Amino acid sequence: MLYKAFLIKYAEIGLKGKNRYMFENALINRTKVGLEPVGRFNVIKEQGRLFVQCLGEYDFDEAIAALNKVFGIAYICPVVVANDNSWDVITKEVGDYIDLKYPTKDFTFKVEAKRADKRYPLNSPQMCSAMGSYLLDRFPELKVDVHKPQKRITIEIRTQTYFYTDSIKGPGGMPVGSNGKAMLLLSGGIDSPVAGYMIAKRGVSISATYFHAPPYTSERAKQKVVDLAKKISKYTGSIKLNVVNFTDIQLYIYDQCPHEELTIIMRRYMMKIAEKIAIEEGCLGLITGESIGQVASQTIQSLAATNEVCSLPVFRPLIAFDKQDIINISDNIDTYETSIQPFEDCCTIFVAKHPVTKPNIKAIIRSEKKLEEKIEGLVNEALETIEVINID
């Protein structure tokens, strides 16, 4: 096995001040959790880096795939650890590494050295010059190109010496759990899983609420949402999925309110219920997959009408995205094929033929007064009969 360790580079975390350690600790925890299915690893802080030591056999591709789902990681560097920090040992071991990794050496290179331990007798320019000369003598077919090299040979002198030639781009963002918790309104569509993914990328832990309307929506529709939650939990960590039976509320709204206002009024009650669950779970905001103008319930006027019932902030990370942009992300995070399965959720069952696109909030509130006789009891019943599915 060529690589028995990884150096993990982070970007945005390095800009934090006195509470930087909190973000680093969150990243360590998420890295450990992400690697658990792959093998045994030790993860520690290493002067502005994380050092991941492999404690046994593991699958390299699986490890890289797991690390690429840990928000907060900017680059993943598979490294070789020198046996000691003497320059003669480092020089020979770098040469042996190049010889083993690249049987054909018809490439240009540049040596980059970082001396975190300033007590080391050689400074960075001296190390670069000495290592470059050694490699050119040992492998005459190599050529130096300091501007656009095909390979960058990086040496980092720390408590140990690491060297590597590959920096694999990570997902970026902030480690999940470092920026509070929010409630995702998760449907079976393309948009909401992407919205949850994007907010989690900013370090937010995710719970989710799904509105189910049996018998108008099937068990396969619910399973589709569970499958989507499993897909995004690979990035977000564990998700508590709250399944709300919305049938009686929808039917009551359908019977009592103008049909052109059905979508907005149903959406307002979804937001109210999701917010109640969110507050109970200690969430600090709601997350939706809405994008301006995509459908009738997502015009500016419609968004204002749904916002009006919420006291928590509503996060809409897709608000200015084109549909194709959302589809591209959905495809990248492996939710697209699940999202397009033909099992409808309650948002698509009770859609009016001609929904209002510029709702007047005062008119909507007047229509909702027709619901006063039963709606509070129906909402309470829905909250009391929630089915909880824990997604690990």
Protein backbone atom coordinates (compact mmCIF):
# COMPACT_ATOMS: atom_id res chain seq x y z
CA MET A 1 0.00 0.00 0.00
CA LEU A 2 1.65 3.22 -1.20
CA TYR A 3 -0.23 5.64 1.06
CA LYS A 4 -0.66 5.11 4.78
CA ALA A 5 -1.65 8.67 5.58
CA PHE A 6 -3.47 11.75 4.27
CA LEU A 7 -2.91 15.43 4.89
CA ILE A 8 -6.22 17.28 4.91
CA LYS A 9 -6.13 20.97 3.99
CA TYR A 10 -8.91 23.33 4.94
CA ALA A 11 -9.44 26.86 3.67
CA GLU A 12 -12.19 28.92 5.28
CA ILE A 13 -11.64 27.46 8.74
CA GLY A 14 -8.12 28.90 8.69
CA LEU A 15 -9.59 32.42 8.64
CA LYS A 16 -11.38 31.95 11.96
CA GLY A 17 -10.12 33.72 15.08
CA LYS A 18 -10.10 32.54 18.66
CA ASN A 19 -12.90 30.01 18.07
CA ARG A 20 -11.05 28.34 15.19
CA TYR A 21 -10.47 25.26 17.36
CA MET A 22 -14.24 24.66 17.45
CA PHE A 23 -14.38 24.39 13.66
CA GLU A 24 -11.25 22.22 13.59
CA ASN A 25 -12.72 19.87 16.20
CA ALA A 26 -15.97 19.66 14.22
CA LEU A 27 -13.97 18.80 11.09
CA ILE A 28 -12.03 16.11 12.97
CA ASN A 29 -15.27 14.55 14.21
CA ARG A 30 -16.91 14.61 10.78
CA THR A 31 -13.76 13.12 9.19
CA LYS A 32 -13.71 10.29 11.72
CA VAL A 33 -17.40 9.55 11.13
CA GLY A 34 -16.97 9.68 7.34
CA LEU A 35 -14.08 7.20 7.41
CA GLU A 36 -15.67 4.72 9.83
CA PRO A 37 -17.10 2.47 7.08
CA VAL A 38 -13.75 2.41 5.25
CA GLY A 39 -11.35 1.21 7.96
CA ARG A 40 -9.43 2.23 11.08
CA PHE A 41 -7.97 5.73 11.05
CA ASN A 42 -6.54 8.19 13.55
CA VAL A 43 -7.31 11.88 12.88
CA ILE A 44 -5.35 14.66 14.62
CA LYS A 45 -4.61 18.37 14.19
CA GLU A 46 -1.24 19.12 12.63
CA GLN A 47 -0.38 22.86 12.51
CA GLY A 48 -3.06 24.15 10.14
CA ARG A 49 -3.77 20.72 8.68
CA LEU A 50 -5.44 17.50 9.70
CA PHE A 51 -3.29 14.38 9.64
CA VAL A 52 -5.13 11.12 8.93
CA GLN A 53 -3.14 8.04 9.83
CA CYS A 54 -4.28 4.71 8.41
CA LEU A 55 -4.14 2.04 11.13
CA GLY A 56 -4.72 -0.98 8.91
CA GLU A 57 -5.71 -2.13 5.46
CA TYR A 58 -8.22 0.03 3.58
CA ASP A 59 -9.50 0.72 0.08
CA PHE A 60 -7.87 3.90 -1.25
CA ASP A 61 -10.71 4.85 -3.62
CA GLU A 62 -13.31 4.33 -0.88
CA ALA A 63 -11.30 6.54 1.49
CA ILE A 64 -11.09 9.35 -1.08
CA ALA A 65 -14.82 9.05 -1.81
CA ALA A 66 -15.62 9.24 1.91
CA LEU A 67 -13.39 12.28 2.47
CA ASN A 68 -14.99 13.98 -0.53
CA LYS A 69 -18.29 13.99 1.37
CA VAL A 70 -16.89 15.77 4.43
CA PHE A 71 -17.71 19.47 4.25
CA GLY A 72 -14.81 21.66 5.37
CA ILE A 73 -12.14 19.76 3.45
CA ALA A 74 -10.51 21.87 0.75
CA TYR A 75 -7.88 19.39 -0.47
CA ILE A 76 -7.02 15.76 0.22
CA CYS A 77 -3.32 14.95 -0.09
CA PRO A 78 -2.29 11.27 -0.01
CA VAL A 79 1.14 11.46 1.65
CA VAL A 80 4.19 9.39 2.40
CA VAL A 81 5.68 9.94 5.86
CA ALA A 82 9.48 10.00 5.98
CA ASN A 83 11.15 7.64 8.42
CA ASP A 84 12.91 10.57 10.07
CA ASN A 85 13.56 14.26 9.45
CA SER A 86 17.19 14.10 8.36
CA TRP A 87 17.67 15.60 4.92
CA ASP A 88 19.55 12.60 3.52
CA VAL A 89 16.68 10.27 4.47
CA ILE A 90 14.05 12.66 3.09
CA THR A 91 15.92 13.06 -0.20
CA LYS A 92 16.31 9.34 -0.80
CA GLU A 93 12.73 8.52 0.19
CA VAL A 94 11.29 11.22 -2.11
CA GLY A 95 13.38 9.76 -4.94
CA ASP A 96 12.17 6.23 -4.16
CA TYR A 97 8.56 7.50 -4.09
CA ILE A 98 8.91 9.16 -7.51
CA ASP A 99 10.52 6.02 -8.90
CA LEU A 100 7.69 3.81 -7.61
CA LYS A 101 4.75 6.09 -8.44
CA TYR A 102 5.89 7.15 -11.92
CA PRO A 103 7.50 4.31 -13.91
CA THR A 104 7.60 6.66 -16.92
CA LYS A 105 9.26 9.91 -15.95
CA ASP A 106 8.70 12.03 -19.05
CA PHE A 107 7.12 14.95 -17.17
CA THR A 108 8.06 18.37 -15.91
CA PHE A 109 8.16 19.08 -12.20
CA LYS A 110 8.60 21.69 -9.53
CA VAL A 111 9.59 21.16 -5.90
CA GLU A 112 7.67 23.08 -3.24
CA ALA A 113 8.80 22.97 0.38
CA LYS A 114 7.06 24.19 3.52
CA ARG A 115 8.99 24.43 6.77
CA ALA A 116 6.46 24.58 9.60
CA ASP A 117 9.29 23.69 12.00
CA LYS A 118 11.50 26.78 11.69
CA ARG A 119 14.30 25.05 13.63
CA TYR A 120 15.01 22.86 10.62
CA PRO A 121 18.54 23.65 9.33
CA LEU A 122 17.50 24.14 5.67
CA ASN A 123 15.04 26.85 4.68
CA SER A 124 12.41 26.35 1.99
CA PRO A 125 14.41 27.70 -1.01
CA GLN A 126 17.43 25.59 0.00
CA MET A 127 15.27 22.46 0.23
CA CYS A 128 13.70 23.12 -3.17
CA SER A 129 17.08 23.64 -4.81
CA ALA A 130 18.70 20.60 -3.18
CA MET A 131 15.78 18.28 -3.90
CA GLY A 132 15.48 19.48 -7.50
CA SER A 133 19.17 18.84 -8.13
CA TYR A 134 18.98 15.37 -6.56
CA LEU A 135 15.98 14.34 -8.66
CA LEU A 136 17.55 15.64 -11.90
CA ASP A 137 20.74 13.69 -11.16
CA ARG A 138 18.83 10.52 -10.31
CA PHE A 139 16.29 10.76 -13.14
CA PRO A 140 17.87 12.62 -16.11
CA GLU A 141 14.65 12.35 -18.14
CA LEU A 142 12.88 14.73 -15.76
CA LYS A 143 12.68 18.45 -16.58
CA VAL A 144 12.05 21.44 -14.33
CA ASP A 145 9.23 23.88 -15.07
CA VAL A 146 8.60 26.34 -12.23
CA HIS A 147 5.69 28.06 -14.02
CA LYS A 148 3.42 25.27 -15.29
CA PRO A 149 4.81 21.97 -14.02
CA GLN A 150 2.99 18.73 -14.76
CA LYS A 151 3.82 17.50 -11.25
CA ARG A 152 4.32 19.44 -8.04
CA ILE A 153 6.47 17.56 -5.54
CA THR A 154 5.57 19.01 -2.15
CA ILE A 155 7.59 18.48 1.02
CA GLU A 156 6.22 19.63 4.40
CA ILE A 157 8.54 19.62 7.40
CA ARG A 158 6.41 19.38 10.53
CA THR A 159 6.66 17.16 13.61
CA GLN A 160 7.16 14.57 10.89
CA THR A 161 8.04 15.08 7.23
CA TYR A 162 5.36 14.46 4.61
CA PHE A 163 5.75 14.47 0.87
CA TYR A 164 3.18 14.13 -1.90
CA THR A 165 2.43 14.93 -5.53
CA ASP A 166 -1.38 14.84 -5.57
CA SER A 167 -3.84 17.37 -4.13
CA ILE A 168 -7.37 16.10 -4.68
CA LYS A 169 -10.01 18.81 -4.48
CA GLY A 170 -12.47 18.33 -1.61
CA PRO A 171 -16.04 19.59 -1.24
CA GLY A 172 -15.11 22.81 0.63
CA GLY A 173 -17.57 24.56 2.90
CA MET A 174 -17.75 24.24 6.68
CA PRO A 175 -17.97 21.09 8.83
CA VAL A 176 -21.54 20.01 9.57
CA GLY A 177 -22.52 20.90 13.12
CA SER A 178 -20.38 24.02 13.34
CA ASN A 179 -23.19 26.46 12.43
CA GLY A 180 -26.35 25.35 14.21
CA LYS A 181 -29.31 23.34 12.97
CA ALA A 182 -32.18 23.92 10.51
CA MET A 183 -35.32 22.13 9.33
CA LEU A 184 -35.51 21.07 5.68
CA LEU A 185 -38.93 20.81 4.02
CA LEU A 186 -38.10 17.71 2.04
CA SER A 187 -40.29 16.60 -0.86
CA GLY A 188 -39.75 13.97 -3.51
CA GLY A 189 -38.66 16.53 -6.10
CA ILE A 190 -35.30 17.62 -7.45
CA ASP A 191 -34.92 20.90 -5.57
CA SER A 192 -35.29 20.29 -1.84
CA PRO A 193 -32.53 17.64 -1.50
CA VAL A 194 -30.14 20.04 -3.25
CA ALA A 195 -31.21 22.85 -0.90
CA GLY A 196 -30.48 20.64 2.12
CA TYR A 197 -27.10 19.70 0.71
CA MET A 198 -26.16 23.32 0.09
CA ILE A 199 -27.14 24.56 3.55
CA ALA A 200 -25.34 21.61 5.18
CA LYS A 201 -22.25 22.66 3.23
CA ARG A 202 -22.24 25.85 5.30
CA GLY A 203 -21.91 23.78 8.47
CA VAL A 204 -25.60 23.46 9.38
CA SER A 205 -26.99 20.21 10.81
CA ILE A 206 -30.18 19.07 9.10
CA SER A 207 -33.50 17.68 10.28
CA ALA A 208 -36.27 17.15 7.72
CA THR A 209 -40.06 17.24 7.45
CA TYR A 210 -42.02 15.47 4.72
CA PHE A 211 -45.77 15.98 4.17
CA HIS A 212 -47.50 12.74 3.25
CA ALA A 213 -51.10 12.51 2.01
CA PRO A 214 -52.34 8.92 1.95
CA PRO A 215 -54.17 7.50 0.06
CA TYR A 216 -53.52 10.24 -2.52
CA THR A 217 -49.78 9.68 -2.18
CA SER A 218 -48.46 6.14 -2.05
CA GLU A 219 -46.03 4.38 0.26
CA ARG A 220 -43.65 4.36 -2.68
CA ALA A 221 -43.76 8.17 -2.66
CA LYS A 222 -42.78 8.14 1.01
CA GLN A 223 -40.04 5.60 0.37
CA LYS A 224 -38.71 7.84 -2.38
CA VAL A 225 -38.30 10.65 0.18
CA VAL A 226 -36.61 8.25 2.63
CA ASP A 227 -34.22 7.25 -0.16
CA LEU A 228 -33.46 10.92 -0.88
CA ALA A 229 -32.79 11.55 2.81
CA LYS A 230 -30.36 8.62 2.79
CA LYS A 231 -28.58 10.10 -0.23
CA ILE A 232 -28.04 13.52 1.33
CA SER A 233 -27.21 12.06 4.76
CA LYS A 234 -23.94 10.89 3.21
CA TYR A 235 -23.01 14.58 3.24
CA THR A 236 -25.05 15.95 6.13
CA GLY A 237 -24.71 13.14 8.67
CA SER A 238 -27.69 11.62 10.46
CA ILE A 239 -31.11 13.10 9.65
CA LYS A 240 -34.29 12.89 11.70
CA LEU A 241 -37.09 12.66 9.12
CA ASN A 242 -40.52 13.73 10.38
CA VAL A 243 -43.35 12.30 8.25
CA VAL A 244 -46.51 14.42 8.71
CA ASN A 245 -49.92 13.06 7.65
CA PHE A 246 -51.29 16.07 5.76
CA THR A 247 -54.35 14.48 4.14
CA ASP A 248 -57.11 15.83 6.39
CA ILE A 249 -55.64 19.34 6.34
CA GLN A 250 -55.43 19.34 2.56
CA LEU A 251 -58.96 18.05 2.11
CA TYR A 252 -60.31 20.66 4.54
CA ILE A 253 -58.51 23.46 2.73
CA TYR A 254 -59.76 22.05 -0.60
CA ASP A 255 -63.37 22.11 0.66
CA GLN A 256 -63.31 25.55 2.29
CA CYS A 257 -61.00 27.80 0.28
CA PRO A 258 -60.94 29.19 -3.28
CA HIS A 259 -59.20 26.67 -5.48
CA GLU A 260 -56.91 29.22 -7.10
CA GLU A 261 -55.49 29.87 -3.60
CA LEU A 262 -55.08 26.21 -2.64
CA THR A 263 -51.34 26.00 -3.31
CA ILE A 264 -50.49 29.11 -1.28
CA ILE A 265 -52.73 28.23 1.68
CA MET A 266 -51.50 24.64 1.80
CA ARG A 267 -47.94 25.90 1.59
CA ARG A 268 -48.55 28.32 4.46
CA TYR A 269 -49.80 25.48 6.66
CA MET A 270 -46.82 23.35 5.73
CA MET A 271 -44.54 26.18 6.84
CA LYS A 272 -46.48 26.61 10.09
CA ILE A 273 -46.25 22.91 10.92
CA ALA A 274 -42.60 22.61 9.90
CA GLU A 275 -41.78 25.61 12.08
CA LYS A 276 -43.50 24.06 15.12
CA ILE A 277 -41.44 20.88 14.65
CA ALA A 278 -38.30 22.93 14.05
CA ILE A 279 -38.69 24.92 17.27
CA GLU A 280 -39.32 21.71 19.21
CA GLU A 281 -36.06 20.27 17.84
CA GLY A 282 -33.98 23.40 18.48
CA CYS A 283 -33.66 24.40 14.84
CA LEU A 284 -32.83 28.02 14.05
CA GLY A 285 -34.36 28.21 10.57
CA LEU A 286 -36.32 26.49 7.81
CA ILE A 287 -34.86 25.36 4.47
CA THR A 288 -36.79 25.13 1.22
CA GLY A 289 -35.84 24.38 -2.39
CA GLU A 290 -37.72 27.35 -3.84
CA SER A 291 -36.40 29.31 -6.83
CA ILE A 292 -37.94 32.60 -7.97
CA GLY A 293 -40.54 32.10 -10.70
CA GLN A 294 -40.07 28.36 -11.10
CA VAL A 295 -43.74 27.59 -10.34
CA ALA A 296 -46.80 29.58 -9.24
CA SER A 297 -46.01 29.15 -5.54
CA GLN A 298 -42.51 30.58 -6.06
CA THR A 299 -43.21 34.04 -7.43
CA ILE A 300 -41.98 36.89 -5.21
CA GLN A 301 -45.56 37.56 -4.13
CA SER A 302 -46.11 33.87 -3.29
CA LEU A 303 -42.87 33.67 -1.33
CA ALA A 304 -43.89 36.74 0.64
CA ALA A 305 -47.24 35.11 1.42
CA THR A 306 -45.59 31.94 2.78
CA ASN A 307 -42.94 33.89 4.69
CA GLU A 308 -45.66 35.85 6.46
CA VAL A 309 -46.59 32.88 8.67
CA CYS A 310 -43.02 32.18 9.85
CA SER A 311 -41.12 33.62 12.78
CA LEU A 312 -37.95 31.62 12.00
CA PRO A 313 -35.79 32.70 9.05
CA VAL A 314 -36.37 30.76 5.83
CA PHE A 315 -33.21 29.78 3.95
CA ARG A 316 -33.60 29.38 0.18
CA PRO A 317 -30.17 28.55 -1.25
CA LEU A 318 -31.58 27.91 -4.76
CA ILE A 319 -33.44 31.20 -4.97
CA ALA A 320 -31.59 32.53 -8.06
CA PHE A 321 -30.69 29.22 -9.71
CA ASP A 322 -31.86 28.12 -13.13
CA LYS A 323 -33.45 24.68 -13.18
CA GLN A 324 -30.51 23.21 -15.10
CA ASP A 325 -28.11 24.48 -12.44
CA ILE A 326 -30.14 22.64 -9.81
CA ILE A 327 -30.29 19.49 -11.93
CA ASN A 328 -26.50 19.56 -12.36
CA ILE A 329 -25.94 19.65 -8.59
CA SER A 330 -28.60 16.98 -8.09
CA ASP A 331 -26.78 14.75 -10.53
CA ASN A 332 -23.43 15.39 -8.84
CA ILE A 333 -24.73 14.41 -5.40
CA ASP A 334 -26.57 11.35 -6.78
CA THR A 335 -30.13 12.43 -5.96
CA TYR A 336 -31.37 13.19 -9.48
CA GLU A 337 -32.32 9.65 -10.58
CA THR A 338 -34.26 9.13 -7.33
CA SER A 339 -35.98 12.52 -7.58
CA ILE A 340 -37.37 11.84 -11.07
CA GLN A 341 -39.04 8.57 -10.10
CA PRO A 342 -42.77 8.92 -10.97
CA PHE A 343 -44.24 8.87 -7.46
CA GLU A 344 -46.05 12.11 -6.68
CA ASP A 345 -45.97 13.89 -3.33
CA CYS A 346 -48.78 15.94 -1.81
CA CYS A 347 -47.49 19.16 -3.37
CA THR A 348 -48.40 17.89 -6.82
CA ILE A 349 -51.69 16.09 -6.05
CA PHE A 350 -53.87 19.06 -5.03
CA VAL A 351 -52.76 21.61 -7.61
CA ALA A 352 -55.37 24.01 -9.01
CA LYS A 353 -55.75 24.35 -12.77
CA HIS A 354 -55.21 28.10 -12.54
CA PRO A 355 -53.31 28.91 -9.32
CA VAL A 356 -52.93 32.52 -8.31
CA THR A 357 -49.41 33.78 -9.07
CA LYS A 358 -49.64 37.16 -7.32
CA PRO A 359 -51.53 36.40 -4.11
CA ASN A 360 -52.72 39.23 -1.93
CA ILE A 361 -51.84 38.40 1.68
CA LYS A 362 -54.96 40.11 3.04
CA ALA A 363 -57.14 38.08 0.68
CA ILE A 364 -55.36 34.89 1.69
CA ILE A 365 -55.91 35.64 5.38
CA ARG A 366 -59.61 36.26 4.70
CA SER A 367 -59.86 32.88 2.97
CA GLU A 368 -58.10 31.17 5.88
CA LYS A 369 -60.77 32.47 8.27
CA LYS A 370 -63.08 29.88 6.71
CA LEU A 371 -60.82 27.25 8.26
CA GLU A 372 -61.08 28.48 11.86
CA GLU A 373 -63.63 25.89 12.97
CA LYS A 374 -61.41 22.83 12.52
CA ILE A 375 -57.92 23.77 11.37
CA GLU A 376 -56.26 24.07 14.78
CA GLY A 377 -57.47 20.61 15.79
CA LEU A 378 -56.32 19.12 12.48
CA VAL A 379 -52.88 20.70 12.85
CA ASN A 380 -52.54 19.39 16.41
CA GLU A 381 -53.59 15.93 15.28
CA ALA A 382 -51.00 16.01 12.50
CA LEU A 383 -48.31 17.00 15.01
CA GLU A 384 -49.34 14.28 17.44
CA THR A 385 -49.24 11.53 14.81
CA ILE A 386 -45.87 12.29 13.24
CA GLU A 387 -43.92 9.24 12.13
CA VAL A 388 -40.21 9.66 12.87
CA ILE A 389 -37.65 7.91 10.67
CA ASN A 390 -34.00 8.19 11.73
CA ILE A 391 -31.65 8.24 8.76
CA ASP A 392 -28.05 7.30 9.57
